[in-house]
Amino acid sequence: MFNFAEKLFLDYLDHLGILVFPFCKYYAARPSSSLIDFKLFANCNFQGVAFDLKNKPESADKILPHLVKFCQSAKFNRLVAHFRGVGIQEIFGLACEIEFKYFSGTIVQPAV
């Protein structure tokens, strides 16, 4: 998982992808929350992008438009949408409906 700033350059991502790819079976980016165009990540062969709520107690009505936009952009660029830091059951349910694939956070039970 990588954290990225708002402004990205293909050269930077390409070099990072070349270095990491042979050693990682699966790698995803955690873009800035203001970034919604994930074309660079798709072009550099990232397998997914992650939305991180950091277990904050946000209201579902407030966060839903951001989740929808994030997931739509990920799907449009053939990337898997991850949701990190899920802390509220209602938001977890909405994220499942929107089709996020991987989850982590205080509300998510560990696999047995």
PDB file of N, CA and C in Angstrom:
ATOM      1  N   MET A   1       0.847  -1.163   0.000  1.00  0.00           N
ATOM      2  CA  MET A   1       0.000   0.000   0.000  1.00  0.00           C
ATOM      3  C   MET A   1       0.894   1.228   0.000  1.00  0.00           C
ATOM      4  N   PHE A   2       0.632   2.156  -0.896  1.00  0.00           N
ATOM      5  CA  PHE A   2       1.420   3.368  -1.017  1.00  0.00           C
ATOM      6  C   PHE A   2       0.533   4.584  -0.825  1.00  0.00           C
ATOM      7  N   ASN A   3       1.039   5.603  -0.134  1.00  0.00           N
ATOM      8  CA  ASN A   3       0.348   6.884   0.000  1.00  0.00           C
ATOM      9  C   ASN A   3       0.875   7.817  -1.079  1.00  0.00           C
ATOM     10  N   PHE A   4      -0.019   8.566  -1.711  1.00  0.00           N
ATOM     11  CA  PHE A   4       0.397   9.472  -2.765  1.00  0.00           C
ATOM     12  C   PHE A   4      -0.154  10.866  -2.540  1.00  0.00           C
ATOM     13  N   ALA A   5       0.594  11.850  -3.001  1.00  0.00           N
ATOM     14  CA  ALA A   5       0.180  13.251  -2.907  1.00  0.00           C
ATOM     15  C   ALA A   5      -0.863  13.549  -3.978  1.00  0.00           C
ATOM     16  N   GLU A   6      -1.361  14.797  -3.973  1.00  0.00           N
ATOM     17  CA  GLU A   6      -2.397  15.180  -4.940  1.00  0.00           C
ATOM     18  C   GLU A   6      -1.872  15.217  -6.368  1.00  0.00           C
ATOM     19  N   LYS A   7      -0.634  15.683  -6.573  1.00  0.00           N
ATOM     20  CA  LYS A   7      -0.081  15.771  -7.924  1.00  0.00           C
ATOM     21  C   LYS A   7       0.836  14.580  -8.163  1.00  0.00           C
ATOM     22  N   LEU A   8       0.541  13.845  -9.210  1.00  0.00           N
ATOM     23  CA  LEU A   8       1.317  12.655  -9.539  1.00  0.00           C
ATOM     24  C   LEU A   8       1.941  12.808 -10.914  1.00  0.00           C
ATOM     25  N   PHE A   9       3.055  12.137 -11.108  1.00  0.00           N
ATOM     26  CA  PHE A   9       3.723  12.145 -12.392  1.00  0.00           C
ATOM     27  C   PHE A   9       3.938  10.705 -12.830  1.00  0.00           C
ATOM     28  N   LEU A  10       3.688  10.438 -14.089  1.00  0.00           N
ATOM     29  CA  LEU A  10       3.798   9.082 -14.616  1.00  0.00           C
ATOM     30  C   LEU A  10       5.193   8.517 -14.405  1.00  0.00           C
ATOM     31  N   ASP A  11       6.215   9.334 -14.588  1.00  0.00           N
ATOM     32  CA  ASP A  11       7.587   8.867 -14.437  1.00  0.00           C
ATOM     33  C   ASP A  11       7.824   8.309 -13.036  1.00  0.00           C
ATOM     34  N   TYR A  12       7.337   9.000 -12.030  1.00  0.00           N
ATOM     35  CA  TYR A  12       7.503   8.554 -10.637  1.00  0.00           C
ATOM     36  C   TYR A  12       6.789   7.221 -10.401  1.00  0.00           C
ATOM     37  N   LEU A  13       5.545   7.139 -10.828  1.00  0.00           N
ATOM     38  CA  LEU A  13       4.778   5.908 -10.627  1.00  0.00           C
ATOM     39  C   LEU A  13       5.354   4.742 -11.418  1.00  0.00           C
ATOM     40  N   ASP A  14       5.809   5.012 -12.613  1.00  0.00           N
ATOM     41  CA  ASP A  14       6.367   3.962 -13.455  1.00  0.00           C
ATOM     42  C   ASP A  14       7.623   3.372 -12.822  1.00  0.00           C
ATOM     43  N   HIS A  15       8.497   4.227 -12.315  1.00  0.00           N
ATOM     44  CA  HIS A  15       9.721   3.742 -11.670  1.00  0.00           C
ATOM     45  C   HIS A  15       9.392   2.960 -10.406  1.00  0.00           C
ATOM     46  N   LEU A  16       8.432   3.425  -9.649  1.00  0.00           N
ATOM     47  CA  LEU A  16       8.026   2.726  -8.436  1.00  0.00           C
ATOM     48  C   LEU A  16       7.443   1.359  -8.780  1.00  0.00           C
ATOM     49  N   GLY A  17       6.587   1.324  -9.796  1.00  0.00           N
ATOM     50  CA  GLY A  17       5.976   0.064 -10.214  1.00  0.00           C
ATOM     51  C   GLY A  17       6.999  -0.948 -10.690  1.00  0.00           C
ATOM     52  N   ILE A  18       8.013  -0.493 -11.406  1.00  0.00           N
ATOM     53  CA  ILE A  18       9.052  -1.397 -11.901  1.00  0.00           C
ATOM     54  C   ILE A  18       9.841  -1.985 -10.738  1.00  0.00           C
ATOM     55  N   LEU A  19      10.127  -1.175  -9.717  1.00  0.00           N
ATOM     56  CA  LEU A  19      10.893  -1.658  -8.563  1.00  0.00           C
ATOM     57  C   LEU A  19      10.094  -2.613  -7.688  1.00  0.00           C
ATOM     58  N   VAL A  20       8.821  -2.350  -7.527  1.00  0.00           N
ATOM     59  CA  VAL A  20       7.997  -3.103  -6.591  1.00  0.00           C
ATOM     60  C   VAL A  20       7.393  -4.353  -7.217  1.00  0.00           C
ATOM     61  N   PHE A  21       7.035  -4.292  -8.470  1.00  0.00           N
ATOM     62  CA  PHE A  21       6.277  -5.366  -9.103  1.00  0.00           C
ATOM     63  C   PHE A  21       6.891  -6.760  -8.943  1.00  0.00           C
ATOM     64  N   PRO A  22       8.210  -6.939  -9.152  1.00  0.00           N
ATOM     65  CA  PRO A  22       8.754  -8.302  -9.030  1.00  0.00           C
ATOM     66  C   PRO A  22       8.652  -8.892  -7.621  1.00  0.00           C
ATOM     67  N   PHE A  23       8.499  -8.046  -6.598  1.00  0.00           N
ATOM     68  CA  PHE A  23       8.508  -8.512  -5.221  1.00  0.00           C
ATOM     69  C   PHE A  23       7.129  -8.564  -4.578  1.00  0.00           C
ATOM     70  N   CYS A  24       6.131  -8.032  -5.241  1.00  0.00           N
ATOM     71  CA  CYS A  24       4.788  -7.972  -4.663  1.00  0.00           C
ATOM     72  C   CYS A  24       3.804  -8.702  -5.560  1.00  0.00           C
ATOM     73  N   LYS A  25       3.080  -9.614  -4.976  1.00  0.00           N
ATOM     74  CA  LYS A  25       2.059 -10.324  -5.738  1.00  0.00           C
ATOM     75  C   LYS A  25       0.887  -9.396  -6.040  1.00  0.00           C
ATOM     76  N   TYR A  26       0.610  -8.499  -5.115  1.00  0.00           N
ATOM     77  CA  TYR A  26      -0.533  -7.602  -5.256  1.00  0.00           C
ATOM     78  C   TYR A  26      -0.186  -6.277  -4.596  1.00  0.00           C
ATOM     79  N   TYR A  27      -0.319  -5.176  -5.300  1.00  0.00           N
ATOM     80  CA  TYR A  27      -0.048  -3.891  -4.677  1.00  0.00           C
ATOM     81  C   TYR A  27      -1.087  -2.860  -5.094  1.00  0.00           C
ATOM     82  N   ALA A  28      -1.419  -1.998  -4.139  1.00  0.00           N
ATOM     83  CA  ALA A  28      -2.467  -1.003  -4.346  1.00  0.00           C
ATOM     84  C   ALA A  28      -1.974   0.362  -3.895  1.00  0.00           C
ATOM     85  N   ALA A  29      -2.596   1.393  -4.425  1.00  0.00           N
ATOM     86  CA  ALA A  29      -2.259   2.772  -4.072  1.00  0.00           C
ATOM     87  C   ALA A  29      -3.314   3.336  -3.134  1.00  0.00           C
ATOM     88  N   ARG A  30      -2.894   4.242  -2.270  1.00  0.00           N
ATOM     89  CA  ARG A  30      -3.837   4.974  -1.435  1.00  0.00           C
ATOM     90  C   ARG A  30      -3.716   6.440  -1.846  1.00  0.00           C
ATOM     91  N   PRO A  31      -4.476   6.847  -2.873  1.00  0.00           N
ATOM     92  CA  PRO A  31      -4.348   8.209  -3.395  1.00  0.00           C
ATOM     93  C   PRO A  31      -4.920   9.244  -2.435  1.00  0.00           C
ATOM     94  N   SER A  32      -4.564  10.485  -2.663  1.00  0.00           N
ATOM     95  CA  SER A  32      -5.129  11.597  -1.906  1.00  0.00           C
ATOM     96  C   SER A  32      -6.642  11.583  -2.080  1.00  0.00           C
ATOM     97  N   SER A  33      -7.363  11.989  -1.051  1.00  0.00           N
ATOM     98  CA  SER A  33      -8.830  11.946  -1.117  1.00  0.00           C
ATOM     99  C   SER A  33      -9.397  12.879  -2.179  1.00  0.00           C
ATOM    100  N   SER A  34      -8.630  13.882  -2.593  1.00  0.00           N
ATOM    101  CA  SER A  34      -9.126  14.799  -3.621  1.00  0.00           C
ATOM    102  C   SER A  34      -8.907  14.267  -5.039  1.00  0.00           C
ATOM    103  N   LEU A  35      -8.120  13.228  -5.189  1.00  0.00           N
ATOM    104  CA  LEU A  35      -7.829  12.667  -6.506  1.00  0.00           C
ATOM    105  C   LEU A  35      -8.912  11.665  -6.896  1.00  0.00           C
ATOM    106  N   ILE A  36      -9.509  11.853  -8.070  1.00  0.00           N
ATOM    107  CA  ILE A  36     -10.536  10.906  -8.516  1.00  0.00           C
ATOM    108  C   ILE A  36     -10.222  10.300  -9.882  1.00  0.00           C
ATOM    109  N   ASP A  37      -9.143  10.740 -10.522  1.00  0.00           N
ATOM    110  CA  ASP A  37      -8.744  10.165 -11.802  1.00  0.00           C
ATOM    111  C   ASP A  37      -7.620   9.164 -11.541  1.00  0.00           C
ATOM    112  N   PHE A  38      -7.938   7.890 -11.668  1.00  0.00           N
ATOM    113  CA  PHE A  38      -6.982   6.838 -11.339  1.00  0.00           C
ATOM    114  C   PHE A  38      -6.290   6.258 -12.566  1.00  0.00           C
ATOM    115  N   LYS A  39      -6.321   6.978 -13.675  1.00  0.00           N
ATOM    116  CA  LYS A  39      -5.730   6.499 -14.919  1.00  0.00           C
ATOM    117  C   LYS A  39      -4.236   6.186 -14.763  1.00  0.00           C
ATOM    118  N   LEU A  40      -3.507   7.031 -14.031  1.00  0.00           N
ATOM    119  CA  LEU A  40      -2.076   6.792 -13.840  1.00  0.00           C
ATOM    120  C   LEU A  40      -1.806   5.470 -13.128  1.00  0.00           C
ATOM    121  N   PHE A  41      -2.623   5.162 -12.126  1.00  0.00           N
ATOM    122  CA  PHE A  41      -2.430   3.914 -11.394  1.00  0.00           C
ATOM    123  C   PHE A  41      -2.703   2.707 -12.291  1.00  0.00           C
ATOM    124  N   ALA A  42      -3.720   2.801 -13.118  1.00  0.00           N
ATOM    125  CA  ALA A  42      -4.028   1.710 -14.046  1.00  0.00           C
ATOM    126  C   ALA A  42      -2.911   1.548 -15.073  1.00  0.00           C
ATOM    127  N   ASN A  43      -2.398   2.660 -15.585  1.00  0.00           N
ATOM    128  CA  ASN A  43      -1.324   2.602 -16.578  1.00  0.00           C
ATOM    129  C   ASN A  43      -0.034   2.026 -16.010  1.00  0.00           C
ATOM    130  N   CYS A  44       0.167   2.168 -14.716  1.00  0.00           N
ATOM    131  CA  CYS A  44       1.386   1.650 -14.075  1.00  0.00           C
ATOM    132  C   CYS A  44       1.156   0.283 -13.436  1.00  0.00           C
ATOM    133  N   ASN A  45       0.068  -0.373 -13.805  1.00  0.00           N
ATOM    134  CA  ASN A  45      -0.232  -1.751 -13.389  1.00  0.00           C
ATOM    135  C   ASN A  45      -0.468  -1.943 -11.899  1.00  0.00           C
ATOM    136  N   PHE A  46      -0.935  -0.917 -11.216  1.00  0.00           N
ATOM    137  CA  PHE A  46      -1.402  -1.136  -9.851  1.00  0.00           C
ATOM    138  C   PHE A  46      -2.664  -1.977  -9.957  1.00  0.00           C
ATOM    139  N   GLN A  47      -2.888  -2.848  -8.985  1.00  0.00           N
ATOM    140  CA  GLN A  47      -4.068  -3.697  -9.041  1.00  0.00           C
ATOM    141  C   GLN A  47      -5.268  -3.071  -8.363  1.00  0.00           C
ATOM    142  N   GLY A  48      -5.053  -2.055  -7.524  1.00  0.00           N
ATOM    143  CA  GLY A  48      -6.182  -1.459  -6.824  1.00  0.00           C
ATOM    144  C   GLY A  48      -5.849  -0.114  -6.216  1.00  0.00           C
ATOM    145  N   VAL A  49      -6.893   0.528  -5.703  1.00  0.00           N
ATOM    146  CA  VAL A  49      -6.766   1.798  -4.986  1.00  0.00           C
ATOM    147  C   VAL A  49      -7.563   1.680  -3.691  1.00  0.00           C
ATOM    148  N   ALA A  50      -7.109   2.383  -2.660  1.00  0.00           N
ATOM    149  CA  ALA A  50      -7.739   2.261  -1.348  1.00  0.00           C
ATOM    150  C   ALA A  50      -8.253   3.603  -0.853  1.00  0.00           C
ATOM    151  N   PHE A  51      -9.466   3.586  -0.330  1.00  0.00           N
ATOM    152  CA  PHE A  51     -10.075   4.733   0.343  1.00  0.00           C
ATOM    153  C   PHE A  51      -9.875   4.498   1.834  1.00  0.00           C
ATOM    154  N   ASP A  52      -9.286   5.461   2.540  1.00  0.00           N
ATOM    155  CA  ASP A  52      -8.980   5.270   3.962  1.00  0.00           C
ATOM    156  C   ASP A  52      -9.775   6.256   4.807  1.00  0.00           C
ATOM    157  N   LEU A  53     -10.691   5.736   5.594  1.00  0.00           N
ATOM    158  CA  LEU A  53     -11.505   6.561   6.492  1.00  0.00           C
ATOM    159  C   LEU A  53     -10.856   6.692   7.868  1.00  0.00           C
ATOM    160  N   LYS A  54      -9.828   5.903   8.133  1.00  0.00           N
ATOM    161  CA  LYS A  54      -9.044   5.955   9.376  1.00  0.00           C
ATOM    162  C   LYS A  54      -9.888   5.761  10.631  1.00  0.00           C
ATOM    163  N   ASN A  55     -10.909   4.923  10.533  1.00  0.00           N
ATOM    164  CA  ASN A  55     -11.804   4.603  11.661  1.00  0.00           C
ATOM    165  C   ASN A  55     -12.470   5.829  12.272  1.00  0.00           C
ATOM    166  N   LYS A  56     -12.614   6.897  11.497  1.00  0.00           N
ATOM    167  CA  LYS A  56     -13.280   8.107  11.990  1.00  0.00           C
ATOM    168  C   LYS A  56     -14.790   7.892  11.994  1.00  0.00           C
ATOM    169  N   PRO A  57     -15.477   8.444  12.972  1.00  0.00           N
ATOM    170  CA  PRO A  57     -16.939   8.277  13.039  1.00  0.00           C
ATOM    171  C   PRO A  57     -17.678   9.258  12.127  1.00  0.00           C
ATOM    172  N   GLU A  58     -17.515   9.125  10.829  1.00  0.00           N
ATOM    173  CA  GLU A  58     -18.199   9.986   9.856  1.00  0.00           C
ATOM    174  C   GLU A  58     -19.643   9.533   9.698  1.00  0.00           C
ATOM    175  N   SER A  59     -20.518  10.473   9.342  1.00  0.00           N
ATOM    176  CA  SER A  59     -21.910  10.089   9.092  1.00  0.00           C
ATOM    177  C   SER A  59     -22.002   9.446   7.706  1.00  0.00           C
ATOM    178  N   ALA A  60     -22.866   8.475   7.579  1.00  0.00           N
ATOM    179  CA  ALA A  60     -23.016   7.750   6.314  1.00  0.00           C
ATOM    180  C   ALA A  60     -23.484   8.684   5.198  1.00  0.00           C
ATOM    181  N   ASP A  61     -24.381   9.619   5.520  1.00  0.00           N
ATOM    182  CA  ASP A  61     -24.875  10.548   4.495  1.00  0.00           C
ATOM    183  C   ASP A  61     -23.764  11.436   3.961  1.00  0.00           C
ATOM    184  N   LYS A  62     -22.843  11.809   4.825  1.00  0.00           N
ATOM    185  CA  LYS A  62     -21.750  12.696   4.429  1.00  0.00           C
ATOM    186  C   LYS A  62     -20.718  11.971   3.566  1.00  0.00           C
ATOM    187  N   ILE A  63     -20.433  10.726   3.890  1.00  0.00           N
ATOM    188  CA  ILE A  63     -19.354   9.998   3.226  1.00  0.00           C
ATOM    189  C   ILE A  63     -19.810   9.256   1.967  1.00  0.00           C
ATOM    190  N   LEU A  64     -21.095   8.951   1.851  1.00  0.00           N
ATOM    191  CA  LEU A  64     -21.605   8.151   0.732  1.00  0.00           C
ATOM    192  C   LEU A  64     -21.248   8.713  -0.649  1.00  0.00           C
ATOM    193  N   PRO A  65     -21.438  10.020  -0.925  1.00  0.00           N
ATOM    194  CA  PRO A  65     -21.076  10.517  -2.263  1.00  0.00           C
ATOM    195  C   PRO A  65     -19.598  10.309  -2.601  1.00  0.00           C
ATOM    196  N   HIS A  66     -18.734  10.436  -1.601  1.00  0.00           N
ATOM    197  CA  HIS A  66     -17.301  10.233  -1.829  1.00  0.00           C
ATOM    198  C   HIS A  66     -16.996   8.766  -2.132  1.00  0.00           C
ATOM    199  N   LEU A  67     -17.664   7.870  -1.424  1.00  0.00           N
ATOM    200  CA  LEU A  67     -17.457   6.438  -1.661  1.00  0.00           C
ATOM    201  C   LEU A  67     -17.918   6.037  -3.056  1.00  0.00           C
ATOM    202  N   VAL A  68     -19.075   6.544  -3.459  1.00  0.00           N
ATOM    203  CA  VAL A  68     -19.616   6.222  -4.786  1.00  0.00           C
ATOM    204  C   VAL A  68     -18.672   6.715  -5.875  1.00  0.00           C
ATOM    205  N   LYS A  69     -18.220   7.957  -5.763  1.00  0.00           N
ATOM    206  CA  LYS A  69     -17.323   8.534  -6.766  1.00  0.00           C
ATOM    207  C   LYS A  69     -16.004   7.758  -6.825  1.00  0.00           C
ATOM    208  N   PHE A  70     -15.473   7.398  -5.665  1.00  0.00           N
ATOM    209  CA  PHE A  70     -14.213   6.656  -5.594  1.00  0.00           C
ATOM    210  C   PHE A  70     -14.353   5.290  -6.266  1.00  0.00           C
ATOM    211  N   CYS A  71     -15.400   4.571  -5.919  1.00  0.00           N
ATOM    212  CA  CYS A  71     -15.601   3.226  -6.456  1.00  0.00           C
ATOM    213  C   CYS A  71     -15.873   3.263  -7.961  1.00  0.00           C
ATOM    214  N   GLN A  72     -16.628   4.237  -8.426  1.00  0.00           N
ATOM    215  CA  GLN A  72     -16.898   4.362  -9.859  1.00  0.00           C
ATOM    216  C   GLN A  72     -15.616   4.622 -10.637  1.00  0.00           C
ATOM    217  N   SER A  73     -14.774   5.498 -10.104  1.00  0.00           N
ATOM    218  CA  SER A  73     -13.516   5.800 -10.778  1.00  0.00           C
ATOM    219  C   SER A  73     -12.597   4.581 -10.798  1.00  0.00           C
ATOM    220  N   ALA A  74     -12.584   3.825  -9.710  1.00  0.00           N
ATOM    221  CA  ALA A  74     -11.769   2.605  -9.670  1.00  0.00           C
ATOM    222  C   ALA A  74     -12.256   1.607 -10.724  1.00  0.00           C
ATOM    223  N   LYS A  75     -13.554   1.378 -10.782  1.00  0.00           N
ATOM    224  CA  LYS A  75     -14.115   0.440 -11.765  1.00  0.00           C
ATOM    225  C   LYS A  75     -13.835   0.900 -13.193  1.00  0.00           C
ATOM    226  N   PHE A  76     -13.983   2.200 -13.434  1.00  0.00           N
ATOM    227  CA  PHE A  76     -13.756   2.755 -14.763  1.00  0.00           C
ATOM    228  C   PHE A  76     -12.331   2.472 -15.240  1.00  0.00           C
ATOM    229  N   ASN A  77     -11.385   2.465 -14.307  1.00  0.00           N
ATOM    230  CA  ASN A  77      -9.983   2.230 -14.640  1.00  0.00           C
ATOM    231  C   ASN A  77      -9.540   0.787 -14.394  1.00  0.00           C
ATOM    232  N   ARG A  78     -10.513  -0.121 -14.226  1.00  0.00           N
ATOM    233  CA  ARG A  78     -10.243  -1.547 -14.020  1.00  0.00           C
ATOM    234  C   ARG A  78      -9.357  -1.804 -12.801  1.00  0.00           C
ATOM    235  N   LEU A  79      -9.618  -1.074 -11.727  1.00  0.00           N
ATOM    236  CA  LEU A  79      -8.887  -1.243 -10.473  1.00  0.00           C
ATOM    237  C   LEU A  79      -9.833  -1.761  -9.403  1.00  0.00           C
ATOM    238  N   VAL A  80      -9.313  -2.546  -8.493  1.00  0.00           N
ATOM    239  CA  VAL A  80     -10.104  -3.054  -7.377  1.00  0.00           C
ATOM    240  C   VAL A  80     -10.169  -1.973  -6.302  1.00  0.00           C
ATOM    241  N   ALA A  81     -11.355  -1.746  -5.760  1.00  0.00           N
ATOM    242  CA  ALA A  81     -11.544  -0.729  -4.718  1.00  0.00           C
ATOM    243  C   ALA A  81     -11.402  -1.357  -3.335  1.00  0.00           C
ATOM    244  N   HIS A  82     -10.478  -0.831  -2.544  1.00  0.00           N
ATOM    245  CA  HIS A  82     -10.267  -1.255  -1.161  1.00  0.00           C
ATOM    246  C   HIS A  82     -10.853  -0.183  -0.248  1.00  0.00           C
ATOM    247  N   PHE A  83     -11.330  -0.573   0.915  1.00  0.00           N
ATOM    248  CA  PHE A  83     -11.838   0.390   1.897  1.00  0.00           C
ATOM    249  C   PHE A  83     -11.146   0.104   3.221  1.00  0.00           C
ATOM    250  N   ARG A  84     -10.287   1.013   3.636  1.00  0.00           N
ATOM    251  CA  ARG A  84      -9.545   0.861   4.880  1.00  0.00           C
ATOM    252  C   ARG A  84     -10.151   1.758   5.953  1.00  0.00           C
ATOM    253  N   GLY A  85     -10.032   1.330   7.197  1.00  0.00           N
ATOM    254  CA  GLY A  85     -10.478   2.153   8.315  1.00  0.00           C
ATOM    255  C   GLY A  85     -11.978   2.241   8.467  1.00  0.00           C
ATOM    256  N   VAL A  86     -12.683   1.155   8.200  1.00  0.00           N
ATOM    257  CA  VAL A  86     -14.139   1.137   8.359  1.00  0.00           C
ATOM    258  C   VAL A  86     -14.444   1.005   9.845  1.00  0.00           C
ATOM    259  N   GLY A  87     -15.166   1.978  10.403  1.00  0.00           N
ATOM    260  CA  GLY A  87     -15.439   1.955  11.833  1.00  0.00           C
ATOM    261  C   GLY A  87     -16.907   1.923  12.203  1.00  0.00           C
ATOM    262  N   ILE A  88     -17.803   2.048  11.234  1.00  0.00           N
ATOM    263  CA  ILE A  88     -19.242   2.111  11.510  1.00  0.00           C
ATOM    264  C   ILE A  88     -19.959   1.082  10.638  1.00  0.00           C
ATOM    265  N   GLN A  89     -20.836   0.307  11.256  1.00  0.00           N
ATOM    266  CA  GLN A  89     -21.548  -0.767  10.551  1.00  0.00           C
ATOM    267  C   GLN A  89     -22.354  -0.242   9.364  1.00  0.00           C
ATOM    268  N   GLU A  90     -23.011   0.892   9.519  1.00  0.00           N
ATOM    269  CA  GLU A  90     -23.829   1.455   8.434  1.00  0.00           C
ATOM    270  C   GLU A  90     -22.972   1.779   7.210  1.00  0.00           C
ATOM    271  N   ILE A  91     -21.802   2.355   7.424  1.00  0.00           N
ATOM    272  CA  ILE A  91     -20.903   2.678   6.313  1.00  0.00           C
ATOM    273  C   ILE A  91     -20.372   1.393   5.679  1.00  0.00           C
ATOM    274  N   PHE A  92     -20.088   0.395   6.495  1.00  0.00           N
ATOM    275  CA  PHE A  92     -19.628  -0.898   5.979  1.00  0.00           C
ATOM    276  C   PHE A  92     -20.683  -1.502   5.051  1.00  0.00           C
ATOM    277  N   GLY A  93     -21.951  -1.452   5.455  1.00  0.00           N
ATOM    278  CA  GLY A  93     -23.035  -1.973   4.623  1.00  0.00           C
ATOM    279  C   GLY A  93     -23.155  -1.237   3.302  1.00  0.00           C
ATOM    280  N   LEU A  94     -23.046   0.096   3.350  1.00  0.00           N
ATOM    281  CA  LEU A  94     -23.113   0.889   2.122  1.00  0.00           C
ATOM    282  C   LEU A  94     -21.941   0.563   1.200  1.00  0.00           C
ATOM    283  N   ALA A  95     -20.761   0.413   1.771  1.00  0.00           N
ATOM    284  CA  ALA A  95     -19.578   0.104   0.964  1.00  0.00           C
ATOM    285  C   ALA A  95     -19.713  -1.262   0.296  1.00  0.00           C
ATOM    286  N   CYS A  96     -20.325  -2.206   0.971  1.00  0.00           N
ATOM    287  CA  CYS A  96     -20.570  -3.524   0.364  1.00  0.00           C
ATOM    288  C   CYS A  96     -21.518  -3.400  -0.823  1.00  0.00           C
ATOM    289  N   GLU A  97     -22.551  -2.574  -0.688  1.00  0.00           N
ATOM    290  CA  GLU A  97     -23.505  -2.363  -1.784  1.00  0.00           C
ATOM    291  C   GLU A  97     -22.844  -1.681  -2.976  1.00  0.00           C
ATOM    292  N   ILE A  98     -21.926  -0.768  -2.703  1.00  0.00           N
ATOM    293  CA  ILE A  98     -21.236  -0.040  -3.774  1.00  0.00           C
ATOM    294  C   ILE A  98     -20.211  -0.938  -4.464  1.00  0.00           C
ATOM    295  N   GLU A  99     -19.900  -2.061  -3.867  1.00  0.00           N
ATOM    296  CA  GLU A  99     -18.999  -3.074  -4.415  1.00  0.00           C
ATOM    297  C   GLU A  99     -17.521  -2.799  -4.170  1.00  0.00           C
ATOM    298  N   PHE A 100     -17.185  -2.265  -3.006  1.00  0.00           N
ATOM    299  CA  PHE A 100     -15.792  -2.300  -2.579  1.00  0.00           C
ATOM    300  C   PHE A 100     -15.460  -3.767  -2.358  1.00  0.00           C
ATOM    301  N   LYS A 101     -14.216  -4.158  -2.599  1.00  0.00           N
ATOM    302  CA  LYS A 101     -13.892  -5.586  -2.522  1.00  0.00           C
ATOM    303  C   LYS A 101     -13.191  -5.979  -1.225  1.00  0.00           C
ATOM    304  N   TYR A 102     -12.224  -5.205  -0.780  1.00  0.00           N
ATOM    305  CA  TYR A 102     -11.460  -5.550   0.420  1.00  0.00           C
ATOM    306  C   TYR A 102     -11.698  -4.508   1.497  1.00  0.00           C
ATOM    307  N   PHE A 103     -11.802  -4.955   2.746  1.00  0.00           N
ATOM    308  CA  PHE A 103     -12.105  -4.069   3.870  1.00  0.00           C
ATOM    309  C   PHE A 103     -11.135  -4.307   5.015  1.00  0.00           C
ATOM    310  N   SER A 104     -10.888  -3.241   5.775  1.00  0.00           N
ATOM    311  CA  SER A 104     -10.163  -3.362   7.038  1.00  0.00           C
ATOM    312  C   SER A 104     -10.665  -2.252   7.949  1.00  0.00           C
ATOM    313  N   GLY A 105     -10.540  -2.458   9.243  1.00  0.00           N
ATOM    314  CA  GLY A 105     -10.981  -1.458  10.206  1.00  0.00           C
ATOM    315  C   GLY A 105     -11.539  -2.106  11.452  1.00  0.00           C
ATOM    316  N   THR A 106     -11.969  -1.283  12.394  1.00  0.00           N
ATOM    317  CA  THR A 106     -12.433  -1.803  13.680  1.00  0.00           C
ATOM    318  C   THR A 106     -13.723  -2.604  13.561  1.00  0.00           C
ATOM    319  N   ILE A 107     -14.539  -2.335  12.559  1.00  0.00           N
ATOM    320  CA  ILE A 107     -15.824  -3.023  12.406  1.00  0.00           C
ATOM    321  C   ILE A 107     -15.658  -4.376  11.695  1.00  0.00           C
ATOM    322  N   VAL A 108     -14.555  -4.566  11.000  1.00  0.00           N
ATOM    323  CA  VAL A 108     -14.334  -5.773  10.213  1.00  0.00           C
ATOM    324  C   VAL A 108     -13.766  -6.868  11.108  1.00  0.00           C
ATOM    325  N   GLN A 109     -14.409  -8.021  11.081  1.00  0.00           N
ATOM    326  CA  GLN A 109     -13.961  -9.164  11.875  1.00  0.00           C
ATOM    327  C   GLN A 109     -12.817  -9.868  11.146  1.00  0.00           C
ATOM    328  N   PRO A 110     -11.801 -10.302  11.886  1.00  0.00           N
ATOM    329  CA  PRO A 110     -10.705 -11.022  11.222  1.00  0.00           C
ATOM    330  C   PRO A 110     -11.181 -12.366  10.670  1.00  0.00           C
ATOM    331  N   ALA A 111     -10.546 -12.786   9.604  1.00  0.00           N
ATOM    332  CA  ALA A 111     -10.887 -14.084   8.998  1.00  0.00           C
ATOM    333  C   ALA A 111     -10.495 -15.211   9.940  1.00  0.00           C
ATOM    334  N   VAL A 112     -11.328 -16.231  10.001  1.00  0.00           N
ATOM    335  CA  VAL A 112     -11.050 -17.371  10.884  1.00  0.00           C
ATOM    336  C   VAL A 112     -10.453 -18.499  10.073  1.00  0.00           C
TER     337      VAL A 112
END
